[in-house]
Amino acid sequence: MNEMTSISEMQKFRFGGKVLCSDGEEGILSHVSFAASARSLSYIGVRLGLFFAKTVYLPFATVVSASGEGITLKVTRAELASASEEVPSGVLLNRRSVIRNTTTGAQGSLGLLAVQPESGALAYLVAHDLRPGQDTLLRQEVLTKLETGLVTISISEAQLHAFPPYRSDRELQRDVEKILFDLAPLHVDFYGMNVRVLDGVLYLDGNVSSSLRGEMVADQSVGVIGLLEVKNHLVGDDQLASDLALALGRDSRMHDLPIGVYPRLGIVRLSGAVHNAQQKAATEEIARTFPCVRSVVNDLIVNPKAEVLNVMASAAGGEAEDIIPGKYIRHTK
């Protein structure tokens, strides 16, 4: 497997997965065809219809993206329907293809395979029941031969059992959520986070109260057995406050204005003063369109003579005296 390409970036093909054209859903993935010598994906087979079904084949180059959620193609439904039904040359595989270990005689079936996004080179596949009752991820390096309907490996029982199990996204999601819920300090952050497992990869998106909390979420999740990768895109309120204040400070319309930025799980309160209504509206527009801002509470007051921002603003906003000190505060001045 190319270590330069993360698992999250690879194209994953799950047999039976839906196929989406540029103008809507049409068909399911039924086959893949590999060039045997290069072990690169060359064609995919799409099954169309139910009662009078047919299978058509399209080049790998027509694939825009592929994951457990489905395959997106750069062709229309009409173009897909008129594609060739001729079976391409090469190694043809489907969900009934056998994974055979010649060392132990064990057999399983093919459930999913992943390829490099540009070249289509095989990265790994998932075998059902090669170990009884389990799915196993097999990197392409351990595959000894690809034939139509058959993938051969040759490894000992001990080597096979050393491979981590490939667990379902539902199982992984459940375990990640349990670990995070058991960490009481994180409960305050749940409202702003989006935790999602897809194809064995954990995606952490949204907002948390601090960057340290975001690192804590990722560190605790890594311990879940079967997770292939963690993509941590959580944004802490401290980082959001700093980045948004910097963006406001760089804007010529308000860079010298006493504006305070106070996020809470991505909900940003703007406090302080501006010289006119146009500056107030412009500040809010910048904040609303800023990455990772979920909503904006605009407590700015219009004061043509405003020059100083209180070190910390009150819950009432504006230029009132502090009542409860804010936690994350960045000023544009």
C-alpha atoms as a PDB file:
ATOM      1  CA  MET A   1       0.000   0.000   0.000  1.00  0.00           C
ATOM      2  CA  ASN A   2       1.311   3.436  -0.885  1.00  0.00           C
ATOM      3  CA  GLU A   3       1.997   5.058   2.489  1.00  0.00           C
ATOM      4  CA  MET A   4       1.818   8.494   0.876  1.00  0.00           C
ATOM      5  CA  THR A   5      -1.924   8.072   0.289  1.00  0.00           C
ATOM      6  CA  SER A   6      -4.073   7.928   3.400  1.00  0.00           C
ATOM      7  CA  ILE A   7      -6.859   5.363   3.608  1.00  0.00           C
ATOM      8  CA  SER A   8      -9.433   8.149   3.744  1.00  0.00           C
ATOM      9  CA  GLU A   9      -8.333   9.353   0.290  1.00  0.00           C
ATOM     10  CA  MET A  10      -8.595   5.957  -1.406  1.00  0.00           C
ATOM     11  CA  GLN A  11     -11.497   4.937  -3.627  1.00  0.00           C
ATOM     12  CA  LYS A  12     -13.546   2.151  -1.978  1.00  0.00           C
ATOM     13  CA  PHE A  13     -15.757  -0.165  -4.003  1.00  0.00           C
ATOM     14  CA  ARG A  14     -18.379  -2.144  -2.092  1.00  0.00           C
ATOM     15  CA  PHE A  15     -20.386  -4.619  -4.163  1.00  0.00           C
ATOM     16  CA  GLY A  16     -24.086  -3.805  -4.097  1.00  0.00           C
ATOM     17  CA  GLY A  17     -23.343  -0.124  -3.416  1.00  0.00           C
ATOM     18  CA  LYS A  18     -25.456   2.450  -5.205  1.00  0.00           C
ATOM     19  CA  VAL A  19     -24.171   4.211  -8.319  1.00  0.00           C
ATOM     20  CA  LEU A  20     -24.867   7.928  -8.777  1.00  0.00           C
ATOM     21  CA  CYS A  21     -24.719   9.625 -12.155  1.00  0.00           C
ATOM     22  CA  SER A  22     -24.309  13.355 -12.644  1.00  0.00           C
ATOM     23  CA  ASP A  23     -28.109  13.663 -12.868  1.00  0.00           C
ATOM     24  CA  GLY A  24     -29.298  11.140 -10.289  1.00  0.00           C
ATOM     25  CA  GLU A  25     -29.072   7.625  -8.882  1.00  0.00           C
ATOM     26  CA  GLU A  26     -28.984   4.707 -11.298  1.00  0.00           C
ATOM     27  CA  GLY A  27     -27.892   1.123 -10.658  1.00  0.00           C
ATOM     28  CA  ILE A  28     -25.605  -0.746  -8.263  1.00  0.00           C
ATOM     29  CA  LEU A  29     -21.996  -1.908  -8.428  1.00  0.00           C
ATOM     30  CA  SER A  30     -21.857  -5.533  -9.542  1.00  0.00           C
ATOM     31  CA  HIS A  31     -18.322  -6.163 -10.888  1.00  0.00           C
ATOM     32  CA  VAL A  32     -14.840  -4.712 -11.118  1.00  0.00           C
ATOM     33  CA  SER A  33     -12.215  -5.551 -13.713  1.00  0.00           C
ATOM     34  CA  PHE A  34      -8.476  -5.379 -13.068  1.00  0.00           C
ATOM     35  CA  ALA A  35      -5.501  -5.367 -15.369  1.00  0.00           C
ATOM     36  CA  ALA A  36      -3.776  -8.409 -13.884  1.00  0.00           C
ATOM     37  CA  SER A  37      -0.173  -7.427 -14.534  1.00  0.00           C
ATOM     38  CA  ALA A  38      -0.438  -3.955 -12.988  1.00  0.00           C
ATOM     39  CA  ARG A  39      -3.154  -4.862 -10.469  1.00  0.00           C
ATOM     40  CA  SER A  40      -4.958  -1.672 -11.421  1.00  0.00           C
ATOM     41  CA  LEU A  41      -8.689  -1.167 -11.718  1.00  0.00           C
ATOM     42  CA  SER A  42      -9.674  -0.651 -15.332  1.00  0.00           C
ATOM     43  CA  TYR A  43     -13.483  -1.056 -15.477  1.00  0.00           C
ATOM     44  CA  ILE A  44     -16.487  -1.195 -13.169  1.00  0.00           C
ATOM     45  CA  GLY A  45     -19.669  -3.124 -13.884  1.00  0.00           C
ATOM     46  CA  VAL A  46     -23.010  -1.486 -13.062  1.00  0.00           C
ATOM     47  CA  ARG A  47     -26.222  -3.492 -12.828  1.00  0.00           C
ATOM     48  CA  LEU A  48     -29.234  -1.625 -14.213  1.00  0.00           C
ATOM     49  CA  GLY A  49     -32.868  -2.509 -13.620  1.00  0.00           C
ATOM     50  CA  LEU A  50     -34.545  -5.180 -11.520  1.00  0.00           C
ATOM     51  CA  PHE A  51     -36.612  -7.679 -13.511  1.00  0.00           C
ATOM     52  CA  PHE A  52     -34.906  -7.258 -16.885  1.00  0.00           C
ATOM     53  CA  ALA A  53     -31.538  -6.288 -15.509  1.00  0.00           C
ATOM     54  CA  LYS A  54     -28.437  -5.787 -17.576  1.00  0.00           C
ATOM     55  CA  THR A  55     -24.829  -5.051 -16.629  1.00  0.00           C
ATOM     56  CA  VAL A  56     -22.871  -2.332 -18.392  1.00  0.00           C
ATOM     57  CA  TYR A  57     -19.171  -1.561 -18.052  1.00  0.00           C
ATOM     58  CA  LEU A  58     -17.490   1.813 -17.741  1.00  0.00           C
ATOM     59  CA  PRO A  59     -13.802   2.790 -17.547  1.00  0.00           C
ATOM     60  CA  PHE A  60     -12.348   3.614 -14.150  1.00  0.00           C
ATOM     61  CA  ALA A  61     -11.706   7.123 -15.486  1.00  0.00           C
ATOM     62  CA  THR A  62     -15.454   7.835 -15.268  1.00  0.00           C
ATOM     63  CA  VAL A  63     -15.392   7.466 -11.475  1.00  0.00           C
ATOM     64  CA  VAL A  64     -15.444  10.767  -9.570  1.00  0.00           C
ATOM     65  CA  SER A  65     -15.535   9.249  -6.080  1.00  0.00           C
ATOM     66  CA  ALA A  66     -16.200   5.896  -4.436  1.00  0.00           C
ATOM     67  CA  SER A  67     -16.950   5.040  -0.804  1.00  0.00           C
ATOM     68  CA  GLY A  68     -19.307   3.011   1.330  1.00  0.00           C
ATOM     69  CA  GLU A  69     -21.948   5.650   0.588  1.00  0.00           C
ATOM     70  CA  GLY A  70     -21.831   4.895  -3.121  1.00  0.00           C
ATOM     71  CA  ILE A  71     -20.013   5.582  -6.365  1.00  0.00           C
ATOM     72  CA  THR A  72     -20.334   8.875  -8.222  1.00  0.00           C
ATOM     73  CA  LEU A  73     -19.741   8.909 -11.986  1.00  0.00           C
ATOM     74  CA  LYS A  74     -19.078  11.753 -14.385  1.00  0.00           C
ATOM     75  CA  VAL A  75     -21.702  10.453 -16.856  1.00  0.00           C
ATOM     76  CA  THR A  76     -25.459  10.997 -17.137  1.00  0.00           C
ATOM     77  CA  ARG A  77     -28.064   8.304 -16.609  1.00  0.00           C
ATOM     78  CA  ALA A  78     -28.673   8.180 -20.356  1.00  0.00           C
ATOM     79  CA  GLU A  79     -24.965   7.723 -21.050  1.00  0.00           C
ATOM     80  CA  LEU A  80     -24.781   4.971 -18.444  1.00  0.00           C
ATOM     81  CA  ALA A  81     -27.774   3.151 -19.949  1.00  0.00           C
ATOM     82  CA  SER A  82     -26.118   3.194 -23.388  1.00  0.00           C
ATOM     83  CA  ALA A  83     -22.722   1.955 -22.144  1.00  0.00           C
ATOM     84  CA  SER A  84     -21.280  -1.295 -23.486  1.00  0.00           C
ATOM     85  CA  GLU A  85     -22.488  -4.646 -22.117  1.00  0.00           C
ATOM     86  CA  GLU A  86     -19.396  -6.406 -23.432  1.00  0.00           C
ATOM     87  CA  VAL A  87     -17.376  -7.929 -20.602  1.00  0.00           C
ATOM     88  CA  PRO A  88     -13.925  -6.297 -20.609  1.00  0.00           C
ATOM     89  CA  SER A  89     -10.740  -8.318 -20.710  1.00  0.00           C
ATOM     90  CA  GLY A  90      -8.794  -8.689 -17.485  1.00  0.00           C
ATOM     91  CA  VAL A  91      -9.530 -10.119 -14.045  1.00  0.00           C
ATOM     92  CA  LEU A  92     -13.255  -9.885 -13.296  1.00  0.00           C
ATOM     93  CA  LEU A  93     -14.291  -9.880  -9.628  1.00  0.00           C
ATOM     94  CA  ASN A  94     -17.622  -9.621  -7.808  1.00  0.00           C
ATOM     95  CA  ARG A  95     -19.093 -10.375  -4.385  1.00  0.00           C
ATOM     96  CA  ARG A  96     -19.023 -14.122  -5.101  1.00  0.00           C
ATOM     97  CA  SER A  97     -15.304 -14.111  -5.820  1.00  0.00           C
ATOM     98  CA  VAL A  98     -13.323 -16.461  -3.580  1.00  0.00           C
ATOM     99  CA  ILE A  99     -10.391 -15.464  -1.358  1.00  0.00           C
ATOM    100  CA  ARG A 100      -8.288 -18.612  -0.882  1.00  0.00           C
ATOM    101  CA  ASN A 101      -5.354 -19.143   1.471  1.00  0.00           C
ATOM    102  CA  THR A 102      -3.273 -21.881  -0.153  1.00  0.00           C
ATOM    103  CA  THR A 103      -1.230 -22.388   3.023  1.00  0.00           C
ATOM    104  CA  THR A 104      -4.139 -23.341   5.283  1.00  0.00           C
ATOM    105  CA  GLY A 105      -6.886 -24.125   2.769  1.00  0.00           C
ATOM    106  CA  ALA A 106      -9.196 -21.512   4.324  1.00  0.00           C
ATOM    107  CA  GLN A 107     -11.586 -19.662   2.014  1.00  0.00           C
ATOM    108  CA  GLY A 108     -13.594 -16.478   2.230  1.00  0.00           C
ATOM    109  CA  SER A 109     -15.445 -14.136  -0.096  1.00  0.00           C
ATOM    110  CA  LEU A 110     -14.720 -10.642  -1.398  1.00  0.00           C
ATOM    111  CA  GLY A 111     -16.620  -7.813   0.250  1.00  0.00           C
ATOM    112  CA  LEU A 112     -14.836  -4.588  -0.547  1.00  0.00           C
ATOM    113  CA  LEU A 113     -11.705  -3.352  -2.260  1.00  0.00           C
ATOM    114  CA  ALA A 114      -9.853  -0.055  -2.288  1.00  0.00           C
ATOM    115  CA  VAL A 115      -7.639   1.484  -4.964  1.00  0.00           C
ATOM    116  CA  GLN A 116      -5.347   4.486  -5.284  1.00  0.00           C
ATOM    117  CA  PRO A 117      -7.400   7.493  -6.445  1.00  0.00           C
ATOM    118  CA  GLU A 118      -5.367   8.426  -9.520  1.00  0.00           C
ATOM    119  CA  SER A 119      -3.862   5.203 -10.835  1.00  0.00           C
ATOM    120  CA  GLY A 120      -6.499   2.713  -9.714  1.00  0.00           C
ATOM    121  CA  ALA A 121      -3.746   0.516  -8.279  1.00  0.00           C
ATOM    122  CA  LEU A 122      -5.102  -2.014  -5.794  1.00  0.00           C
ATOM    123  CA  ALA A 123      -4.384  -0.968  -2.181  1.00  0.00           C
ATOM    124  CA  TYR A 124      -6.303  -3.496  -0.089  1.00  0.00           C
ATOM    125  CA  LEU A 125      -9.357  -5.730  -0.055  1.00  0.00           C
ATOM    126  CA  VAL A 126     -11.652  -7.056   2.647  1.00  0.00           C
ATOM    127  CA  ALA A 127     -12.310 -10.792   2.931  1.00  0.00           C
ATOM    128  CA  HIS A 128     -15.446 -12.210   4.570  1.00  0.00           C
ATOM    129  CA  ASP A 129     -15.030 -15.352   6.722  1.00  0.00           C
ATOM    130  CA  LEU A 130     -11.396 -16.041   5.875  1.00  0.00           C
ATOM    131  CA  ARG A 131     -11.308 -16.193   9.647  1.00  0.00           C
ATOM    132  CA  PRO A 132     -14.676 -17.643  10.740  1.00  0.00           C
ATOM    133  CA  GLY A 133     -17.179 -14.933  11.563  1.00  0.00           C
ATOM    134  CA  GLN A 134     -14.776 -12.088  10.861  1.00  0.00           C
ATOM    135  CA  ASP A 135     -13.835  -9.683   8.113  1.00  0.00           C
ATOM    136  CA  THR A 136     -10.120  -9.244   7.459  1.00  0.00           C
ATOM    137  CA  LEU A 137      -8.291  -6.419   5.697  1.00  0.00           C
ATOM    138  CA  LEU A 138      -5.646  -7.768   3.312  1.00  0.00           C
ATOM    139  CA  ARG A 139      -3.105  -5.379   1.854  1.00  0.00           C
ATOM    140  CA  GLN A 140      -2.236  -5.977  -1.760  1.00  0.00           C
ATOM    141  CA  GLU A 141       1.305  -7.064  -0.802  1.00  0.00           C
ATOM    142  CA  VAL A 142      -0.005 -10.340   0.672  1.00  0.00           C
ATOM    143  CA  LEU A 143      -1.968 -11.277  -2.459  1.00  0.00           C
ATOM    144  CA  THR A 144      -0.104 -13.841  -4.521  1.00  0.00           C
ATOM    145  CA  LYS A 145      -2.412 -14.003  -7.534  1.00  0.00           C
ATOM    146  CA  LEU A 146      -5.495 -12.380  -9.077  1.00  0.00           C
ATOM    147  CA  GLU A 147      -7.713 -14.441 -11.372  1.00  0.00           C
ATOM    148  CA  THR A 148     -11.280 -14.039 -12.510  1.00  0.00           C
ATOM    149  CA  GLY A 149     -13.422 -15.022  -9.535  1.00  0.00           C
ATOM    150  CA  LEU A 150     -10.405 -15.935  -7.384  1.00  0.00           C
ATOM    151  CA  VAL A 151      -7.869 -14.095  -5.219  1.00  0.00           C
ATOM    152  CA  THR A 152      -5.054 -16.194  -3.770  1.00  0.00           C
ATOM    153  CA  ILE A 153      -2.961 -15.546  -0.680  1.00  0.00           C
ATOM    154  CA  SER A 154      -0.337 -17.726   0.976  1.00  0.00           C
ATOM    155  CA  ILE A 155       0.203 -16.953   4.659  1.00  0.00           C
ATOM    156  CA  SER A 156       0.352 -18.962   7.862  1.00  0.00           C
ATOM    157  CA  GLU A 157      -2.467 -19.138  10.378  1.00  0.00           C
ATOM    158  CA  ALA A 158      -0.386 -17.128  12.839  1.00  0.00           C
ATOM    159  CA  GLN A 159       0.207 -14.377  10.256  1.00  0.00           C
ATOM    160  CA  LEU A 160      -3.473 -14.256   9.379  1.00  0.00           C
ATOM    161  CA  HIS A 161      -4.530 -13.887  13.013  1.00  0.00           C
ATOM    162  CA  ALA A 162      -2.017 -11.068  13.452  1.00  0.00           C
ATOM    163  CA  PHE A 163      -3.983  -8.969  10.944  1.00  0.00           C
ATOM    164  CA  PRO A 164      -6.471  -6.570  12.587  1.00  0.00           C
ATOM    165  CA  PRO A 165     -10.149  -7.355  12.002  1.00  0.00           C
ATOM    166  CA  TYR A 166     -12.087  -5.188   9.593  1.00  0.00           C
ATOM    167  CA  ARG A 167     -15.126  -4.144  11.590  1.00  0.00           C
ATOM    168  CA  SER A 168     -18.376  -2.658  10.346  1.00  0.00           C
ATOM    169  CA  ASP A 169     -18.863   1.085  10.474  1.00  0.00           C
ATOM    170  CA  ARG A 170     -21.814   0.574  12.811  1.00  0.00           C
ATOM    171  CA  GLU A 171     -19.686  -1.302  15.342  1.00  0.00           C
ATOM    172  CA  LEU A 172     -16.903   1.255  15.172  1.00  0.00           C
ATOM    173  CA  GLN A 173     -19.347   4.153  15.515  1.00  0.00           C
ATOM    174  CA  ARG A 174     -20.864   2.552  18.603  1.00  0.00           C
ATOM    175  CA  ASP A 175     -17.473   2.008  20.259  1.00  0.00           C
ATOM    176  CA  VAL A 176     -16.240   5.530  19.501  1.00  0.00           C
ATOM    177  CA  GLU A 177     -19.410   7.088  20.905  1.00  0.00           C
ATOM    178  CA  LYS A 178     -19.169   4.970  24.048  1.00  0.00           C
ATOM    179  CA  ILE A 179     -15.562   5.986  24.702  1.00  0.00           C
ATOM    180  CA  LEU A 180     -16.350   9.665  24.217  1.00  0.00           C
ATOM    181  CA  PHE A 181     -19.496   9.529  26.346  1.00  0.00           C
ATOM    182  CA  ASP A 182     -17.548   7.948  29.194  1.00  0.00           C
ATOM    183  CA  LEU A 183     -15.308  11.032  29.272  1.00  0.00           C
ATOM    184  CA  ALA A 184     -17.435  13.388  31.365  1.00  0.00           C
ATOM    185  CA  PRO A 185     -15.419  16.556  30.513  1.00  0.00           C
ATOM    186  CA  LEU A 186     -16.406  16.136  26.858  1.00  0.00           C
ATOM    187  CA  HIS A 187     -20.162  16.212  27.469  1.00  0.00           C
ATOM    188  CA  VAL A 188     -20.260  19.978  27.063  1.00  0.00           C
ATOM    189  CA  ASP A 189     -18.747  19.598  23.593  1.00  0.00           C
ATOM    190  CA  PHE A 190     -21.173  16.996  22.168  1.00  0.00           C
ATOM    191  CA  TYR A 191     -23.566  19.615  20.823  1.00  0.00           C
ATOM    192  CA  GLY A 192     -20.941  21.047  18.494  1.00  0.00           C
ATOM    193  CA  MET A 193     -19.284  17.809  17.314  1.00  0.00           C
ATOM    194  CA  ASN A 194     -20.095  15.527  14.398  1.00  0.00           C
ATOM    195  CA  VAL A 195     -18.620  12.035  14.885  1.00  0.00           C
ATOM    196  CA  ARG A 196     -18.929   9.727  11.881  1.00  0.00           C
ATOM    197  CA  VAL A 197     -17.302   6.465  10.737  1.00  0.00           C
ATOM    198  CA  LEU A 198     -17.180   5.650   7.032  1.00  0.00           C
ATOM    199  CA  ASP A 199     -15.236   2.738   5.553  1.00  0.00           C
ATOM    200  CA  GLY A 200     -13.319   2.264   8.783  1.00  0.00           C
ATOM    201  CA  VAL A 201     -12.208   5.917   8.908  1.00  0.00           C
ATOM    202  CA  LEU A 202     -13.347   8.181  11.746  1.00  0.00           C
ATOM    203  CA  TYR A 203     -14.214  11.725  10.696  1.00  0.00           C
ATOM    204  CA  LEU A 204     -14.340  14.306  13.500  1.00  0.00           C
ATOM    205  CA  ASP A 205     -15.939  17.568  12.362  1.00  0.00           C
ATOM    206  CA  GLY A 206     -17.474  20.601  14.009  1.00  0.00           C
ATOM    207  CA  ASN A 207     -16.649  22.680  17.056  1.00  0.00           C
ATOM    208  CA  VAL A 208     -15.302  22.023  20.544  1.00  0.00           C
ATOM    209  CA  SER A 209     -14.674  24.357  23.455  1.00  0.00           C
ATOM    210  CA  SER A 210     -10.882  24.252  23.061  1.00  0.00           C
ATOM    211  CA  SER A 211      -8.188  22.870  20.791  1.00  0.00           C
ATOM    212  CA  LEU A 212      -7.038  20.690  23.686  1.00  0.00           C
ATOM    213  CA  ARG A 213     -10.480  19.066  23.792  1.00  0.00           C
ATOM    214  CA  GLY A 214     -10.217  18.335  20.073  1.00  0.00           C
ATOM    215  CA  GLU A 215      -6.899  16.582  20.588  1.00  0.00           C
ATOM    216  CA  MET A 216      -8.399  14.639  23.499  1.00  0.00           C
ATOM    217  CA  VAL A 217     -11.255  13.362  21.317  1.00  0.00           C
ATOM    218  CA  ALA A 218      -8.833  12.170  18.621  1.00  0.00           C
ATOM    219  CA  ASP A 219      -6.410  10.578  21.096  1.00  0.00           C
ATOM    220  CA  GLN A 220      -9.151   8.603  22.854  1.00  0.00           C
ATOM    221  CA  SER A 221     -10.689   7.435  19.567  1.00  0.00           C
ATOM    222  CA  VAL A 222      -7.425   6.026  18.194  1.00  0.00           C
ATOM    223  CA  GLY A 223      -7.661   3.189  20.703  1.00  0.00           C
ATOM    224  CA  VAL A 224     -10.798   1.693  19.113  1.00  0.00           C
ATOM    225  CA  ILE A 225      -9.838  -1.646  17.562  1.00  0.00           C
ATOM    226  CA  GLY A 226     -10.510  -1.729  13.847  1.00  0.00           C
ATOM    227  CA  LEU A 227     -10.308   1.992  13.118  1.00  0.00           C
ATOM    228  CA  LEU A 228      -8.063   2.475  10.103  1.00  0.00           C
ATOM    229  CA  GLU A 229      -7.572   6.225  10.380  1.00  0.00           C
ATOM    230  CA  VAL A 230      -8.773   9.297  12.286  1.00  0.00           C
ATOM    231  CA  LYS A 231      -9.385  12.558  10.409  1.00  0.00           C
ATOM    232  CA  ASN A 232      -9.594  15.263  13.055  1.00  0.00           C
ATOM    233  CA  HIS A 233     -11.187  18.462  11.720  1.00  0.00           C
ATOM    234  CA  LEU A 234     -12.504  19.700  15.069  1.00  0.00           C
ATOM    235  CA  VAL A 235     -12.022  23.420  15.629  1.00  0.00           C
ATOM    236  CA  GLY A 236     -11.556  24.763  19.145  1.00  0.00           C
ATOM    237  CA  ASP A 237     -13.248  27.986  20.196  1.00  0.00           C
ATOM    238  CA  ASP A 238      -9.839  29.401  21.084  1.00  0.00           C
ATOM    239  CA  GLN A 239      -8.512  28.833  17.572  1.00  0.00           C
ATOM    240  CA  LEU A 240     -11.730  30.079  15.971  1.00  0.00           C
ATOM    241  CA  ALA A 241     -11.628  33.278  18.037  1.00  0.00           C
ATOM    242  CA  SER A 242      -8.020  33.928  17.053  1.00  0.00           C
ATOM    243  CA  ASP A 243      -8.521  33.187  13.342  1.00  0.00           C
ATOM    244  CA  LEU A 244     -11.740  35.185  12.975  1.00  0.00           C
ATOM    245  CA  ALA A 245     -10.347  38.193  14.851  1.00  0.00           C
ATOM    246  CA  LEU A 246      -7.290  38.105  12.581  1.00  0.00           C
ATOM    247  CA  ALA A 247      -9.534  38.049   9.487  1.00  0.00           C
ATOM    248  CA  LEU A 248     -11.564  41.004  10.776  1.00  0.00           C
ATOM    249  CA  GLY A 249      -8.406  42.889  11.658  1.00  0.00           C
ATOM    250  CA  ARG A 250      -7.094  42.484   8.119  1.00  0.00           C
ATOM    251  CA  ASP A 251     -10.248  43.945   6.566  1.00  0.00           C
ATOM    252  CA  SER A 252      -9.725  47.635   5.810  1.00  0.00           C
ATOM    253  CA  ARG A 253     -13.289  48.498   6.857  1.00  0.00           C
ATOM    254  CA  MET A 254     -12.863  47.487  10.502  1.00  0.00           C
ATOM    255  CA  HIS A 255      -9.217  46.720  11.271  1.00  0.00           C
ATOM    256  CA  ASP A 256      -8.969  49.616  13.771  1.00  0.00           C
ATOM    257  CA  LEU A 257     -12.366  49.086  15.380  1.00  0.00           C
ATOM    258  CA  PRO A 258     -12.893  47.817  18.960  1.00  0.00           C
ATOM    259  CA  ILE A 259     -14.555  44.500  18.080  1.00  0.00           C
ATOM    260  CA  GLY A 260     -14.464  41.426  20.311  1.00  0.00           C
ATOM    261  CA  VAL A 261     -14.984  37.827  19.106  1.00  0.00           C
ATOM    262  CA  TYR A 262     -16.528  35.346  21.558  1.00  0.00           C
ATOM    263  CA  PRO A 263     -17.259  31.835  20.191  1.00  0.00           C
ATOM    264  CA  ARG A 264     -19.122  29.081  22.027  1.00  0.00           C
ATOM    265  CA  LEU A 265     -19.021  25.788  20.116  1.00  0.00           C
ATOM    266  CA  GLY A 266     -18.982  27.696  16.842  1.00  0.00           C
ATOM    267  CA  ILE A 267     -21.733  30.149  17.759  1.00  0.00           C
ATOM    268  CA  VAL A 268     -19.921  33.485  17.616  1.00  0.00           C
ATOM    269  CA  ARG A 269     -20.950  36.573  19.559  1.00  0.00           C
ATOM    270  CA  LEU A 270     -19.606  39.870  18.252  1.00  0.00           C
ATOM    271  CA  SER A 271     -19.298  42.516  20.942  1.00  0.00           C
ATOM    272  CA  GLY A 272     -17.882  46.004  20.982  1.00  0.00           C
ATOM    273  CA  ALA A 273     -18.551  48.985  18.743  1.00  0.00           C
ATOM    274  CA  VAL A 274     -18.380  50.155  15.149  1.00  0.00           C
ATOM    275  CA  HIS A 275     -18.731  53.613  13.648  1.00  0.00           C
ATOM    276  CA  ASN A 276     -21.719  52.972  11.362  1.00  0.00           C
ATOM    277  CA  ALA A 277     -24.387  50.445  10.370  1.00  0.00           C
ATOM    278  CA  GLN A 278     -22.469  49.420   7.237  1.00  0.00           C
ATOM    279  CA  GLN A 279     -19.495  48.306   9.331  1.00  0.00           C
ATOM    280  CA  LYS A 280     -21.789  46.379  11.661  1.00  0.00           C
ATOM    281  CA  ALA A 281     -23.358  44.543   8.708  1.00  0.00           C
ATOM    282  CA  ALA A 282     -19.976  43.882   7.081  1.00  0.00           C
ATOM    283  CA  THR A 283     -18.533  42.450  10.316  1.00  0.00           C
ATOM    284  CA  GLU A 284     -21.473  40.084  10.675  1.00  0.00           C
ATOM    285  CA  GLU A 285     -21.210  38.982   7.023  1.00  0.00           C
ATOM    286  CA  ILE A 286     -17.523  38.139   7.388  1.00  0.00           C
ATOM    287  CA  ALA A 287     -18.230  36.172  10.559  1.00  0.00           C
ATOM    288  CA  ARG A 288     -21.185  34.268   9.066  1.00  0.00           C
ATOM    289  CA  THR A 289     -19.187  33.109   6.058  1.00  0.00           C
ATOM    290  CA  PHE A 290     -16.060  32.260   8.040  1.00  0.00           C
ATOM    291  CA  PRO A 291     -15.156  28.533   8.115  1.00  0.00           C
ATOM    292  CA  CYS A 292     -16.493  26.595  11.126  1.00  0.00           C
ATOM    293  CA  VAL A 293     -18.816  29.394  12.292  1.00  0.00           C
ATOM    294  CA  ARG A 294     -22.277  27.891  12.858  1.00  0.00           C
ATOM    295  CA  SER A 295     -24.145  31.109  13.615  1.00  0.00           C
ATOM    296  CA  VAL A 296     -23.539  34.696  14.683  1.00  0.00           C
ATOM    297  CA  VAL A 297     -25.006  36.846  17.465  1.00  0.00           C
ATOM    298  CA  ASN A 298     -24.328  40.435  16.531  1.00  0.00           C
ATOM    299  CA  ASP A 299     -24.164  42.536  19.711  1.00  0.00           C
ATOM    300  CA  LEU A 300     -22.122  45.309  18.141  1.00  0.00           C
ATOM    301  CA  ILE A 301     -23.315  48.833  18.881  1.00  0.00           C
ATOM    302  CA  VAL A 302     -22.996  51.757  16.502  1.00  0.00           C
ATOM    303  CA  ASN A 303     -20.929  54.557  18.051  1.00  0.00           C
ATOM    304  CA  PRO A 304     -19.137  57.011  15.730  1.00  0.00           C
ATOM    305  CA  LYS A 305     -16.682  57.877  18.526  1.00  0.00           C
ATOM    306  CA  ALA A 306     -15.895  54.336  19.670  1.00  0.00           C
ATOM    307  CA  GLU A 307     -12.177  53.730  20.222  1.00  0.00           C
ATOM    308  CA  VAL A 308     -11.755  51.380  23.182  1.00  0.00           C
ATOM    309  CA  LEU A 309     -13.031  47.855  23.763  1.00  0.00           C
ATOM    310  CA  ASN A 310     -13.422  46.581  27.318  1.00  0.00           C
ATOM    311  CA  VAL A 311     -10.942  43.822  28.077  1.00  0.00           C
ATOM    312  CA  MET A 312     -13.890  41.464  28.532  1.00  0.00           C
ATOM    313  CA  ALA A 313     -17.464  42.097  27.494  1.00  0.00           C
ATOM    314  CA  SER A 314     -20.612  41.320  29.450  1.00  0.00           C
ATOM    315  CA  ALA A 315     -23.223  38.776  28.437  1.00  0.00           C
ATOM    316  CA  ALA A 316     -25.345  41.733  27.336  1.00  0.00           C
ATOM    317  CA  GLY A 317     -22.792  42.664  24.691  1.00  0.00           C
ATOM    318  CA  GLY A 318     -22.031  46.148  23.440  1.00  0.00           C
ATOM    319  CA  GLU A 319     -19.760  48.233  25.658  1.00  0.00           C
ATOM    320  CA  ALA A 320     -21.377  47.390  28.992  1.00  0.00           C
ATOM    321  CA  GLU A 321     -19.179  46.531  31.960  1.00  0.00           C
ATOM    322  CA  ASP A 322     -18.105  42.959  32.481  1.00  0.00           C
ATOM    323  CA  ILE A 323     -20.308  40.704  34.558  1.00  0.00           C
ATOM    324  CA  ILE A 324     -18.807  37.269  33.905  1.00  0.00           C
ATOM    325  CA  PRO A 325     -15.380  37.149  32.254  1.00  0.00           C
ATOM    326  CA  GLY A 326     -15.404  35.412  28.883  1.00  0.00           C
ATOM    327  CA  LYS A 327     -13.146  32.400  28.295  1.00  0.00           C
ATOM    328  CA  TYR A 328     -11.950  32.921  24.740  1.00  0.00           C
ATOM    329  CA  ILE A 329     -11.587  36.509  23.655  1.00  0.00           C
ATOM    330  CA  ARG A 330      -9.710  37.964  20.718  1.00  0.00           C
ATOM    331  CA  HIS A 331      -9.807  41.607  19.670  1.00  0.00           C
ATOM    332  CA  THR A 332      -9.323  42.979  16.194  1.00  0.00           C
ATOM    333  CA  LYS A 333      -7.247  45.923  17.446  1.00  0.00           C
END
